[in-house]
Amino acid sequence: MSRAFVLGNGVSRQQVDLENLKHFGPIYGCNALYRDFTPTALVSTDRPISERIQDSGYALKHKFYTRKPVASSGALPVPQKYYGYSSGPIAASIAAFDNAVIVYLIGFDMGPVHTKFNNVYADTEFYKKSSASPTFTGNWVRQLTTVMKDFPKIAFVRVMGGTTTPVKEFDDVKNFRNMDIADFLNRINNTKEL
């Protein structure tokens, strides 16, 4: 079974050892993840951070997708169908296009229950302060729902940590399910089986 892991930057992601995760399949990440870890493919759609990534030379050595690749930077264009989407949903679509059979969504903590900005990179360049209001997640929910429905033969599994909010809109997606992070961690750390 071909597995892929798509990393959002919600704080629940910090429970997962990304180096260990490499042994289980390709990893797709977003934005500032490149500061700490090199995924199989990185996606960034926000212009300032996207340009910083390209200026750094990252895309010359690693697979990187963005809306407007800078000439000679090595960056690749995002899939045209999802051009206006955010980084996380685009990363999920790329994992699907790369023939994953099951896509695990990790660190996609979105939801209305957060009272503060929920992001691993809060208080760093290009990100809001940790004390800031949470980011509106309605667009991410709609975009991810569309991506999952566009690939009905692929199973999408959202790993639910302590800061991950249930999203009722996902309940109507037939190829979607949630998995508790404790179960996920037990499987990858102990049984080595997903």
N, C-alpha and C. Protein backbone atom coordinates (compact mmCIF):
# COMPACT_ATOMS: atom_id res chain seq x y z
N MET A 1 0.84 -1.18 0.00
CA MET A 1 0.00 0.00 0.00
C MET A 1 0.88 1.24 0.00
N SER A 2 0.61 2.14 -0.89
CA SER A 2 1.39 3.37 -1.01
C SER A 2 0.81 4.44 -0.09
N ARG A 3 1.59 4.84 0.91
CA ARG A 3 1.16 5.84 1.88
C ARG A 3 1.87 7.15 1.62
N ALA A 4 1.23 8.24 2.00
CA ALA A 4 1.86 9.55 1.96
C ALA A 4 1.41 10.31 3.20
N PHE A 5 2.24 11.24 3.63
CA PHE A 5 1.96 12.05 4.81
C PHE A 5 2.01 13.52 4.42
N VAL A 6 0.96 14.23 4.75
CA VAL A 6 0.91 15.66 4.45
C VAL A 6 0.91 16.39 5.78
N LEU A 7 1.89 17.27 5.94
CA LEU A 7 2.07 17.97 7.21
C LEU A 7 1.53 19.38 7.15
N GLY A 8 0.56 19.66 8.01
CA GLY A 8 0.16 21.02 8.27
C GLY A 8 1.09 21.54 9.37
N ASN A 9 0.95 22.79 9.73
CA ASN A 9 1.83 23.35 10.74
C ASN A 9 1.13 23.61 12.07
N GLY A 10 0.02 22.92 12.32
CA GLY A 10 -0.62 22.99 13.62
C GLY A 10 0.26 22.34 14.67
N VAL A 11 0.14 22.78 15.90
CA VAL A 11 1.06 22.33 16.95
C VAL A 11 0.95 20.84 17.26
N SER A 12 -0.13 20.18 16.93
CA SER A 12 -0.22 18.74 17.18
C SER A 12 0.84 17.97 16.41
N ARG A 13 1.33 18.55 15.33
CA ARG A 13 2.37 17.91 14.52
C ARG A 13 3.65 17.68 15.30
N GLN A 14 3.89 18.47 16.33
CA GLN A 14 5.14 18.37 17.08
C GLN A 14 5.28 17.05 17.83
N GLN A 15 4.21 16.29 17.96
CA GLN A 15 4.28 15.00 18.63
C GLN A 15 4.89 13.91 17.74
N VAL A 16 5.00 14.19 16.45
CA VAL A 16 5.45 13.18 15.49
C VAL A 16 6.91 13.41 15.15
N ASP A 17 7.70 12.34 15.25
CA ASP A 17 9.11 12.38 14.87
C ASP A 17 9.18 12.28 13.35
N LEU A 18 9.48 13.41 12.71
CA LEU A 18 9.43 13.45 11.24
C LEU A 18 10.53 12.60 10.61
N GLU A 19 11.67 12.50 11.25
CA GLU A 19 12.75 11.65 10.71
C GLU A 19 12.29 10.19 10.69
N ASN A 20 11.62 9.75 11.74
CA ASN A 20 11.09 8.39 11.80
C ASN A 20 10.01 8.19 10.74
N LEU A 21 9.20 9.22 10.53
CA LEU A 21 8.10 9.14 9.58
C LEU A 21 8.59 8.88 8.16
N LYS A 22 9.79 9.34 7.83
CA LYS A 22 10.36 9.14 6.49
C LYS A 22 10.37 7.68 6.08
N HIS A 23 10.48 6.77 7.05
CA HIS A 23 10.57 5.34 6.76
C HIS A 23 9.25 4.74 6.28
N PHE A 24 8.16 5.50 6.43
CA PHE A 24 6.85 4.98 6.11
C PHE A 24 6.28 5.47 4.79
N GLY A 25 6.91 6.47 4.18
CA GLY A 25 6.41 6.96 2.91
C GLY A 25 6.81 8.40 2.67
N PRO A 26 6.49 8.93 1.49
CA PRO A 26 6.84 10.31 1.16
C PRO A 26 6.09 11.30 2.06
N ILE A 27 6.74 12.43 2.29
CA ILE A 27 6.19 13.47 3.16
C ILE A 27 6.07 14.77 2.37
N TYR A 28 4.90 15.38 2.47
CA TYR A 28 4.61 16.65 1.79
C TYR A 28 4.37 17.68 2.88
N GLY A 29 5.05 18.82 2.77
CA GLY A 29 4.93 19.83 3.82
C GLY A 29 4.67 21.20 3.26
N CYS A 30 4.53 22.15 4.17
CA CYS A 30 4.13 23.50 3.80
C CYS A 30 5.02 24.58 4.42
N ASN A 31 5.25 25.59 3.63
CA ASN A 31 5.83 26.85 4.09
C ASN A 31 7.12 26.68 4.90
N ALA A 32 7.14 27.15 6.13
CA ALA A 32 8.38 27.22 6.91
C ALA A 32 8.91 25.87 7.37
N LEU A 33 8.23 24.79 7.05
CA LEU A 33 8.74 23.46 7.42
C LEU A 33 10.18 23.30 6.96
N TYR A 34 10.54 23.90 5.84
CA TYR A 34 11.89 23.73 5.29
C TYR A 34 12.97 24.20 6.25
N ARG A 35 12.63 25.05 7.21
CA ARG A 35 13.61 25.53 8.19
C ARG A 35 14.14 24.41 9.08
N ASP A 36 13.26 23.40 9.33
CA ASP A 36 13.59 22.34 10.28
C ASP A 36 13.73 20.95 9.67
N PHE A 37 13.13 20.77 8.49
CA PHE A 37 13.00 19.42 7.95
C PHE A 37 12.83 19.51 6.44
N THR A 38 13.41 18.56 5.72
CA THR A 38 13.27 18.53 4.27
C THR A 38 12.29 17.43 3.87
N PRO A 39 11.08 17.82 3.49
CA PRO A 39 10.10 16.81 3.06
C PRO A 39 10.38 16.35 1.63
N THR A 40 9.65 15.36 1.19
CA THR A 40 9.74 14.89 -0.19
C THR A 40 9.39 16.04 -1.14
N ALA A 41 8.36 16.80 -0.78
CA ALA A 41 7.95 17.97 -1.56
C ALA A 41 7.44 19.03 -0.59
N LEU A 42 7.76 20.28 -0.90
CA LEU A 42 7.33 21.42 -0.09
C LEU A 42 6.42 22.29 -0.95
N VAL A 43 5.37 22.85 -0.33
CA VAL A 43 4.45 23.74 -1.03
C VAL A 43 4.35 25.05 -0.26
N SER A 44 4.40 26.15 -1.00
CA SER A 44 4.20 27.46 -0.37
C SER A 44 3.48 28.35 -1.37
N THR A 45 2.34 28.90 -0.96
CA THR A 45 1.57 29.75 -1.86
C THR A 45 1.61 31.22 -1.48
N ASP A 46 1.93 31.52 -0.24
CA ASP A 46 2.02 32.93 0.16
C ASP A 46 3.29 33.54 -0.40
N ARG A 47 3.12 34.65 -1.11
CA ARG A 47 4.22 35.22 -1.88
C ARG A 47 5.50 35.51 -1.08
N PRO A 48 5.43 36.19 0.07
CA PRO A 48 6.69 36.52 0.76
C PRO A 48 7.52 35.29 1.14
N ILE A 49 6.88 34.29 1.74
CA ILE A 49 7.67 33.12 2.15
C ILE A 49 8.06 32.29 0.94
N SER A 50 7.20 32.23 -0.06
CA SER A 50 7.52 31.50 -1.28
C SER A 50 8.76 32.09 -1.96
N GLU A 51 8.80 33.40 -2.03
CA GLU A 51 9.98 34.04 -2.64
C GLU A 51 11.23 33.83 -1.80
N ARG A 52 11.09 33.86 -0.47
CA ARG A 52 12.24 33.61 0.39
C ARG A 52 12.79 32.20 0.17
N ILE A 53 11.90 31.23 0.07
CA ILE A 53 12.32 29.84 -0.17
C ILE A 53 13.07 29.74 -1.49
N GLN A 54 12.54 30.37 -2.53
CA GLN A 54 13.20 30.31 -3.84
C GLN A 54 14.53 31.05 -3.82
N ASP A 55 14.57 32.20 -3.15
CA ASP A 55 15.83 32.97 -3.07
C ASP A 55 16.90 32.20 -2.30
N SER A 56 16.50 31.33 -1.40
CA SER A 56 17.46 30.58 -0.59
C SER A 56 18.18 29.50 -1.38
N GLY A 57 17.67 29.16 -2.56
CA GLY A 57 18.25 28.08 -3.36
C GLY A 57 17.66 26.71 -3.04
N TYR A 58 16.72 26.68 -2.11
CA TYR A 58 16.10 25.42 -1.69
C TYR A 58 15.54 24.64 -2.89
N ALA A 59 14.85 25.33 -3.79
CA ALA A 59 14.17 24.66 -4.91
C ALA A 59 15.14 24.10 -5.95
N LEU A 60 16.39 24.51 -5.89
CA LEU A 60 17.39 23.94 -6.81
C LEU A 60 17.81 22.54 -6.38
N LYS A 61 17.62 22.24 -5.09
CA LYS A 61 18.05 20.95 -4.55
C LYS A 61 16.89 20.05 -4.14
N HIS A 62 15.71 20.66 -3.92
CA HIS A 62 14.58 19.92 -3.39
C HIS A 62 13.31 20.26 -4.17
N LYS A 63 12.36 19.32 -4.18
CA LYS A 63 11.10 19.54 -4.89
C LYS A 63 10.27 20.59 -4.15
N PHE A 64 9.93 21.67 -4.87
CA PHE A 64 9.20 22.78 -4.27
C PHE A 64 8.16 23.29 -5.26
N TYR A 65 6.92 23.45 -4.77
CA TYR A 65 5.81 23.93 -5.59
C TYR A 65 5.31 25.28 -5.09
N THR A 66 4.99 26.16 -6.04
CA THR A 66 4.43 27.45 -5.69
C THR A 66 3.55 27.94 -6.84
N ARG A 67 2.78 29.01 -6.60
CA ARG A 67 1.90 29.53 -7.65
C ARG A 67 2.68 30.17 -8.78
N LYS A 68 3.68 30.97 -8.43
CA LYS A 68 4.43 31.71 -9.46
C LYS A 68 5.92 31.43 -9.30
N PRO A 69 6.38 30.33 -9.89
CA PRO A 69 7.79 30.01 -9.77
C PRO A 69 8.68 31.11 -10.37
N VAL A 70 9.73 31.44 -9.66
CA VAL A 70 10.71 32.40 -10.16
C VAL A 70 11.59 31.67 -11.17
N ALA A 71 11.83 32.30 -12.31
CA ALA A 71 12.64 31.68 -13.37
C ALA A 71 14.00 31.26 -12.81
N SER A 72 14.43 30.08 -13.20
CA SER A 72 15.72 29.50 -12.82
C SER A 72 15.85 29.19 -11.34
N SER A 73 14.74 29.22 -10.59
CA SER A 73 14.81 28.91 -9.16
C SER A 73 14.70 27.42 -8.88
N GLY A 74 14.22 26.66 -9.89
CA GLY A 74 13.98 25.23 -9.70
C GLY A 74 12.58 24.92 -9.21
N ALA A 75 11.81 25.95 -8.88
CA ALA A 75 10.45 25.75 -8.36
C ALA A 75 9.51 25.24 -9.45
N LEU A 76 8.53 24.47 -9.02
CA LEU A 76 7.52 23.89 -9.92
C LEU A 76 6.18 24.59 -9.70
N PRO A 77 5.35 24.68 -10.74
CA PRO A 77 4.02 25.29 -10.55
C PRO A 77 3.08 24.32 -9.85
N VAL A 78 2.20 24.86 -9.02
CA VAL A 78 1.20 24.02 -8.37
C VAL A 78 0.24 23.49 -9.44
N PRO A 79 -0.48 22.39 -9.16
CA PRO A 79 -1.45 21.90 -10.13
C PRO A 79 -2.47 22.99 -10.48
N GLN A 80 -2.68 23.20 -11.76
CA GLN A 80 -3.53 24.29 -12.23
C GLN A 80 -4.94 24.25 -11.62
N LYS A 81 -5.49 23.07 -11.47
CA LYS A 81 -6.84 22.94 -10.93
C LYS A 81 -6.96 23.53 -9.52
N TYR A 82 -5.85 23.51 -8.78
CA TYR A 82 -5.87 23.97 -7.39
C TYR A 82 -5.05 25.26 -7.22
N TYR A 83 -4.89 25.99 -8.28
CA TYR A 83 -4.03 27.18 -8.28
C TYR A 83 -4.37 28.17 -7.16
N GLY A 84 -5.62 28.43 -6.91
CA GLY A 84 -6.01 29.41 -5.90
C GLY A 84 -6.10 28.86 -4.49
N TYR A 85 -5.76 27.59 -4.30
CA TYR A 85 -5.88 26.95 -3.00
C TYR A 85 -4.70 27.31 -2.08
N SER A 86 -4.87 27.01 -0.81
CA SER A 86 -3.82 27.22 0.19
C SER A 86 -2.81 26.08 0.14
N SER A 87 -1.70 26.28 0.82
CA SER A 87 -0.59 25.32 0.74
C SER A 87 -0.96 23.91 1.18
N GLY A 88 -1.65 23.76 2.32
CA GLY A 88 -2.00 22.43 2.82
C GLY A 88 -2.87 21.63 1.87
N PRO A 89 -3.98 22.20 1.40
CA PRO A 89 -4.80 21.46 0.43
C PRO A 89 -4.04 21.14 -0.87
N ILE A 90 -3.19 22.06 -1.32
CA ILE A 90 -2.40 21.76 -2.52
C ILE A 90 -1.44 20.61 -2.25
N ALA A 91 -0.81 20.61 -1.08
CA ALA A 91 0.10 19.50 -0.73
C ALA A 91 -0.66 18.17 -0.74
N ALA A 92 -1.89 18.18 -0.23
CA ALA A 92 -2.69 16.95 -0.25
C ALA A 92 -3.01 16.52 -1.68
N SER A 93 -3.27 17.49 -2.56
CA SER A 93 -3.57 17.14 -3.96
C SER A 93 -2.33 16.57 -4.65
N ILE A 94 -1.16 17.12 -4.34
CA ILE A 94 0.08 16.61 -4.96
C ILE A 94 0.36 15.19 -4.50
N ALA A 95 0.13 14.91 -3.22
CA ALA A 95 0.29 13.54 -2.72
C ALA A 95 -0.66 12.61 -3.48
N ALA A 96 -1.87 13.06 -3.73
CA ALA A 96 -2.84 12.25 -4.49
C ALA A 96 -2.38 12.05 -5.93
N PHE A 97 -1.94 13.11 -6.56
CA PHE A 97 -1.43 13.01 -7.94
C PHE A 97 -0.22 12.08 -8.02
N ASP A 98 0.55 11.99 -6.93
CA ASP A 98 1.74 11.13 -6.90
C ASP A 98 1.39 9.67 -6.59
N ASN A 99 0.11 9.33 -6.72
CA ASN A 99 -0.37 7.95 -6.63
C ASN A 99 -0.39 7.34 -5.24
N ALA A 100 -0.54 8.17 -4.21
CA ALA A 100 -0.72 7.60 -2.88
C ALA A 100 -2.07 6.88 -2.86
N VAL A 101 -2.15 5.83 -2.07
CA VAL A 101 -3.40 5.10 -1.90
C VAL A 101 -4.09 5.59 -0.62
N ILE A 102 -3.26 6.00 0.34
CA ILE A 102 -3.77 6.55 1.60
C ILE A 102 -2.94 7.76 1.97
N VAL A 103 -3.61 8.85 2.32
CA VAL A 103 -2.94 10.10 2.66
C VAL A 103 -3.28 10.46 4.11
N TYR A 104 -2.25 10.55 4.94
CA TYR A 104 -2.42 10.94 6.34
C TYR A 104 -2.19 12.45 6.45
N LEU A 105 -3.15 13.14 7.05
CA LEU A 105 -3.06 14.58 7.26
C LEU A 105 -2.67 14.82 8.72
N ILE A 106 -1.49 15.35 8.94
CA ILE A 106 -0.95 15.54 10.29
C ILE A 106 -0.72 17.03 10.54
N GLY A 107 -1.16 17.52 11.68
CA GLY A 107 -0.98 18.93 11.99
C GLY A 107 -1.99 19.84 11.31
N PHE A 108 -3.08 19.27 10.84
CA PHE A 108 -4.18 20.05 10.27
C PHE A 108 -5.17 20.31 11.42
N ASP A 109 -4.78 21.17 12.34
CA ASP A 109 -5.51 21.37 13.60
C ASP A 109 -6.74 22.26 13.48
N MET A 110 -6.96 22.87 12.38
CA MET A 110 -7.99 23.90 12.17
C MET A 110 -9.29 23.70 12.94
N GLY A 111 -9.93 24.83 13.18
CA GLY A 111 -11.22 24.77 13.83
C GLY A 111 -11.49 25.99 14.67
N PRO A 112 -12.74 26.19 15.02
CA PRO A 112 -13.14 27.40 15.73
C PRO A 112 -12.83 27.39 17.23
N VAL A 113 -12.40 26.28 17.80
CA VAL A 113 -12.20 26.23 19.25
C VAL A 113 -10.91 26.91 19.71
N HIS A 114 -10.00 27.13 18.80
CA HIS A 114 -8.73 27.74 19.18
C HIS A 114 -8.95 29.22 19.49
N THR A 115 -8.43 29.67 20.60
CA THR A 115 -8.58 31.08 20.96
C THR A 115 -7.36 31.89 20.56
N LYS A 116 -6.28 31.20 20.22
CA LYS A 116 -5.04 31.87 19.79
C LYS A 116 -4.52 31.20 18.52
N PHE A 117 -3.61 31.86 17.86
CA PHE A 117 -3.00 31.36 16.63
C PHE A 117 -2.32 30.03 16.90
N ASN A 118 -2.72 29.00 16.19
CA ASN A 118 -2.21 27.64 16.39
C ASN A 118 -1.28 27.30 15.23
N ASN A 119 0.02 27.54 15.42
CA ASN A 119 0.99 27.25 14.37
C ASN A 119 2.36 27.06 15.00
N VAL A 120 3.03 26.03 14.54
CA VAL A 120 4.38 25.72 15.02
C VAL A 120 5.31 26.93 14.87
N TYR A 121 5.09 27.72 13.83
CA TYR A 121 6.01 28.82 13.52
C TYR A 121 5.52 30.19 13.99
N ALA A 122 4.55 30.21 14.90
CA ALA A 122 4.08 31.47 15.47
C ALA A 122 5.28 32.23 16.04
N ASP A 123 5.24 33.54 15.96
CA ASP A 123 6.29 34.42 16.48
C ASP A 123 7.57 34.41 15.65
N THR A 124 7.51 33.87 14.43
CA THR A 124 8.67 33.90 13.55
C THR A 124 8.33 34.66 12.28
N GLU A 125 9.34 34.93 11.48
CA GLU A 125 9.14 35.70 10.25
C GLU A 125 8.05 35.08 9.38
N PHE A 126 7.17 35.92 8.85
CA PHE A 126 6.05 35.57 7.97
C PHE A 126 4.84 34.99 8.71
N TYR A 127 4.91 34.88 10.03
CA TYR A 127 3.81 34.30 10.80
C TYR A 127 3.31 35.28 11.86
N LYS A 128 2.05 35.09 12.25
CA LYS A 128 1.46 35.92 13.28
C LYS A 128 2.06 35.59 14.64
N LYS A 129 1.80 36.46 15.59
CA LYS A 129 2.21 36.24 16.98
C LYS A 129 1.38 35.11 17.58
N SER A 130 1.95 34.40 18.53
CA SER A 130 1.21 33.32 19.18
C SER A 130 0.00 33.84 19.95
N SER A 131 0.02 35.10 20.30
CA SER A 131 -1.11 35.70 21.01
C SER A 131 -2.20 36.22 20.07
N ALA A 132 -1.97 36.14 18.77
CA ALA A 132 -2.93 36.65 17.78
C ALA A 132 -4.17 35.76 17.72
N SER A 133 -5.22 36.31 17.16
CA SER A 133 -6.45 35.54 16.95
C SER A 133 -6.17 34.39 15.98
N PRO A 134 -6.95 33.31 16.09
CA PRO A 134 -6.73 32.18 15.19
C PRO A 134 -7.03 32.54 13.73
N THR A 135 -6.41 31.83 12.83
CA THR A 135 -6.65 32.02 11.40
C THR A 135 -8.00 31.41 11.04
N PHE A 136 -8.76 32.09 10.19
CA PHE A 136 -10.01 31.54 9.68
C PHE A 136 -9.71 30.29 8.87
N THR A 137 -10.41 29.21 9.16
CA THR A 137 -10.10 27.93 8.51
C THR A 137 -11.15 27.47 7.50
N GLY A 138 -12.20 28.27 7.29
CA GLY A 138 -13.27 27.87 6.38
C GLY A 138 -12.79 27.55 4.98
N ASN A 139 -11.84 28.34 4.47
CA ASN A 139 -11.31 28.07 3.12
C ASN A 139 -10.58 26.74 3.09
N TRP A 140 -9.77 26.46 4.11
CA TRP A 140 -9.04 25.20 4.15
C TRP A 140 -10.00 24.02 4.18
N VAL A 141 -11.07 24.15 4.96
CA VAL A 141 -12.06 23.07 5.05
C VAL A 141 -12.69 22.83 3.68
N ARG A 142 -13.14 23.88 3.02
CA ARG A 142 -13.75 23.73 1.69
C ARG A 142 -12.76 23.15 0.68
N GLN A 143 -11.54 23.65 0.69
CA GLN A 143 -10.54 23.19 -0.27
C GLN A 143 -10.17 21.73 -0.04
N LEU A 144 -9.95 21.34 1.21
CA LEU A 144 -9.63 19.94 1.50
C LEU A 144 -10.79 19.02 1.15
N THR A 145 -12.00 19.45 1.42
CA THR A 145 -13.18 18.66 1.07
C THR A 145 -13.21 18.41 -0.44
N THR A 146 -12.94 19.44 -1.21
CA THR A 146 -12.91 19.31 -2.67
C THR A 146 -11.83 18.34 -3.12
N VAL A 147 -10.63 18.50 -2.56
CA VAL A 147 -9.52 17.60 -2.94
C VAL A 147 -9.88 16.16 -2.62
N MET A 148 -10.41 15.91 -1.43
CA MET A 148 -10.76 14.53 -1.06
C MET A 148 -11.83 13.96 -1.99
N LYS A 149 -12.82 14.76 -2.34
CA LYS A 149 -13.87 14.28 -3.24
C LYS A 149 -13.37 14.11 -4.67
N ASP A 150 -12.35 14.88 -5.06
CA ASP A 150 -11.76 14.74 -6.39
C ASP A 150 -10.98 13.44 -6.55
N PHE A 151 -10.59 12.83 -5.44
CA PHE A 151 -9.81 11.58 -5.47
C PHE A 151 -10.54 10.52 -4.64
N PRO A 152 -11.71 10.05 -5.11
CA PRO A 152 -12.54 9.15 -4.30
C PRO A 152 -11.92 7.79 -4.03
N LYS A 153 -10.92 7.39 -4.78
CA LYS A 153 -10.29 6.08 -4.57
C LYS A 153 -9.14 6.15 -3.57
N ILE A 154 -8.82 7.34 -3.11
CA ILE A 154 -7.74 7.52 -2.14
C ILE A 154 -8.36 7.74 -0.77
N ALA A 155 -7.85 7.04 0.23
CA ALA A 155 -8.31 7.23 1.61
C ALA A 155 -7.54 8.40 2.23
N PHE A 156 -8.26 9.30 2.87
CA PHE A 156 -7.65 10.43 3.58
C PHE A 156 -7.91 10.24 5.08
N VAL A 157 -6.85 10.28 5.86
CA VAL A 157 -6.95 10.05 7.30
C VAL A 157 -6.37 11.26 8.02
N ARG A 158 -7.20 11.91 8.81
CA ARG A 158 -6.74 13.08 9.58
C ARG A 158 -6.34 12.63 10.97
N VAL A 159 -5.08 12.84 11.30
CA VAL A 159 -4.55 12.44 12.61
C VAL A 159 -4.94 13.52 13.62
N MET A 160 -5.69 13.10 14.64
CA MET A 160 -6.28 14.02 15.61
C MET A 160 -5.47 14.08 16.89
N GLY A 161 -4.82 15.21 17.13
CA GLY A 161 -4.09 15.43 18.37
C GLY A 161 -4.91 16.24 19.35
N GLY A 162 -4.32 16.61 20.47
CA GLY A 162 -5.02 17.34 21.51
C GLY A 162 -5.46 18.73 21.09
N THR A 163 -4.82 19.29 20.07
CA THR A 163 -5.19 20.63 19.59
C THR A 163 -5.92 20.59 18.26
N THR A 164 -6.30 19.39 17.83
CA THR A 164 -6.99 19.23 16.54
C THR A 164 -8.50 19.27 16.76
N THR A 165 -9.16 20.14 16.02
CA THR A 165 -10.60 20.32 16.15
C THR A 165 -11.35 19.44 15.15
N PRO A 166 -12.38 18.72 15.59
CA PRO A 166 -13.20 17.97 14.63
C PRO A 166 -13.83 18.94 13.61
N VAL A 167 -13.93 18.49 12.37
CA VAL A 167 -14.53 19.30 11.31
C VAL A 167 -15.73 18.53 10.77
N LYS A 168 -16.91 19.02 11.09
CA LYS A 168 -18.13 18.28 10.73
C LYS A 168 -18.30 18.13 9.22
N GLU A 169 -17.81 19.10 8.45
CA GLU A 169 -17.93 19.02 6.99
C GLU A 169 -17.22 17.80 6.42
N PHE A 170 -16.18 17.32 7.09
CA PHE A 170 -15.45 16.15 6.61
C PHE A 170 -16.25 14.85 6.81
N ASP A 171 -17.20 14.87 7.73
CA ASP A 171 -17.96 13.65 8.03
C ASP A 171 -18.75 13.14 6.83
N ASP A 172 -19.06 14.02 5.89
CA ASP A 172 -19.84 13.63 4.71
C ASP A 172 -18.96 13.13 3.56
N VAL A 173 -17.66 13.12 3.76
CA VAL A 173 -16.74 12.67 2.71
C VAL A 173 -16.50 11.17 2.91
N LYS A 174 -16.90 10.37 1.94
CA LYS A 174 -16.89 8.92 2.09
C LYS A 174 -15.50 8.31 2.24
N ASN A 175 -14.49 8.94 1.65
CA ASN A 175 -13.13 8.38 1.70
C ASN A 175 -12.28 9.07 2.78
N PHE A 176 -12.95 9.58 3.82
CA PHE A 176 -12.26 10.26 4.90
C PHE A 176 -12.57 9.60 6.24
N ARG A 177 -11.55 9.61 7.12
CA ARG A 177 -11.77 9.18 8.50
C ARG A 177 -10.74 9.87 9.40
N ASN A 178 -11.03 9.89 10.69
CA ASN A 178 -10.11 10.42 11.68
C ASN A 178 -9.36 9.27 12.35
N MET A 179 -8.16 9.56 12.84
CA MET A 179 -7.39 8.60 13.63
C MET A 179 -6.79 9.35 14.81
N ASP A 180 -6.94 8.81 16.00
CA ASP A 180 -6.37 9.44 17.19
C ASP A 180 -4.84 9.40 17.10
N ILE A 181 -4.20 10.48 17.51
CA ILE A 181 -2.75 10.56 17.39
C ILE A 181 -2.05 9.49 18.24
N ALA A 182 -2.65 9.11 19.36
CA ALA A 182 -2.04 8.07 20.20
C ALA A 182 -1.97 6.75 19.43
N ASP A 183 -3.03 6.42 18.70
CA ASP A 183 -3.06 5.21 17.88
C ASP A 183 -2.03 5.32 16.76
N PHE A 184 -1.99 6.46 16.11
CA PHE A 184 -1.02 6.69 15.02
C PHE A 184 0.41 6.53 15.53
N LEU A 185 0.73 7.18 16.66
CA LEU A 185 2.09 7.10 17.20
C LEU A 185 2.44 5.69 17.64
N ASN A 186 1.49 4.98 18.24
CA ASN A 186 1.72 3.61 18.64
C ASN A 186 2.07 2.75 17.43
N ARG A 187 1.32 2.96 16.35
CA ARG A 187 1.55 2.17 15.15
C ARG A 187 2.92 2.43 14.54
N ILE A 188 3.30 3.69 14.41
CA ILE A 188 4.58 3.97 13.73
C ILE A 188 5.78 3.76 14.66
N ASN A 189 5.58 3.91 15.98
CA ASN A 189 6.70 3.76 16.90
C ASN A 189 6.89 2.34 17.40
N ASN A 190 5.81 1.57 17.47
CA ASN A 190 5.90 0.23 18.06
C ASN A 190 5.62 -0.90 17.08
N THR A 191 4.46 -0.89 16.46
CA THR A 191 4.12 -1.99 15.56
C THR A 191 4.73 -1.82 14.19
N LYS A 192 5.15 -0.59 13.87
CA LYS A 192 5.75 -0.26 12.56
C LYS A 192 4.78 -0.57 11.43
N GLU A 193 3.50 -0.48 11.72
CA GLU A 193 2.47 -0.82 10.75
C GLU A 193 1.37 0.23 10.79
N LEU A 194 0.94 0.67 9.64
CA LEU A 194 -0.18 1.60 9.56
C LEU A 194 -1.31 0.90 8.92
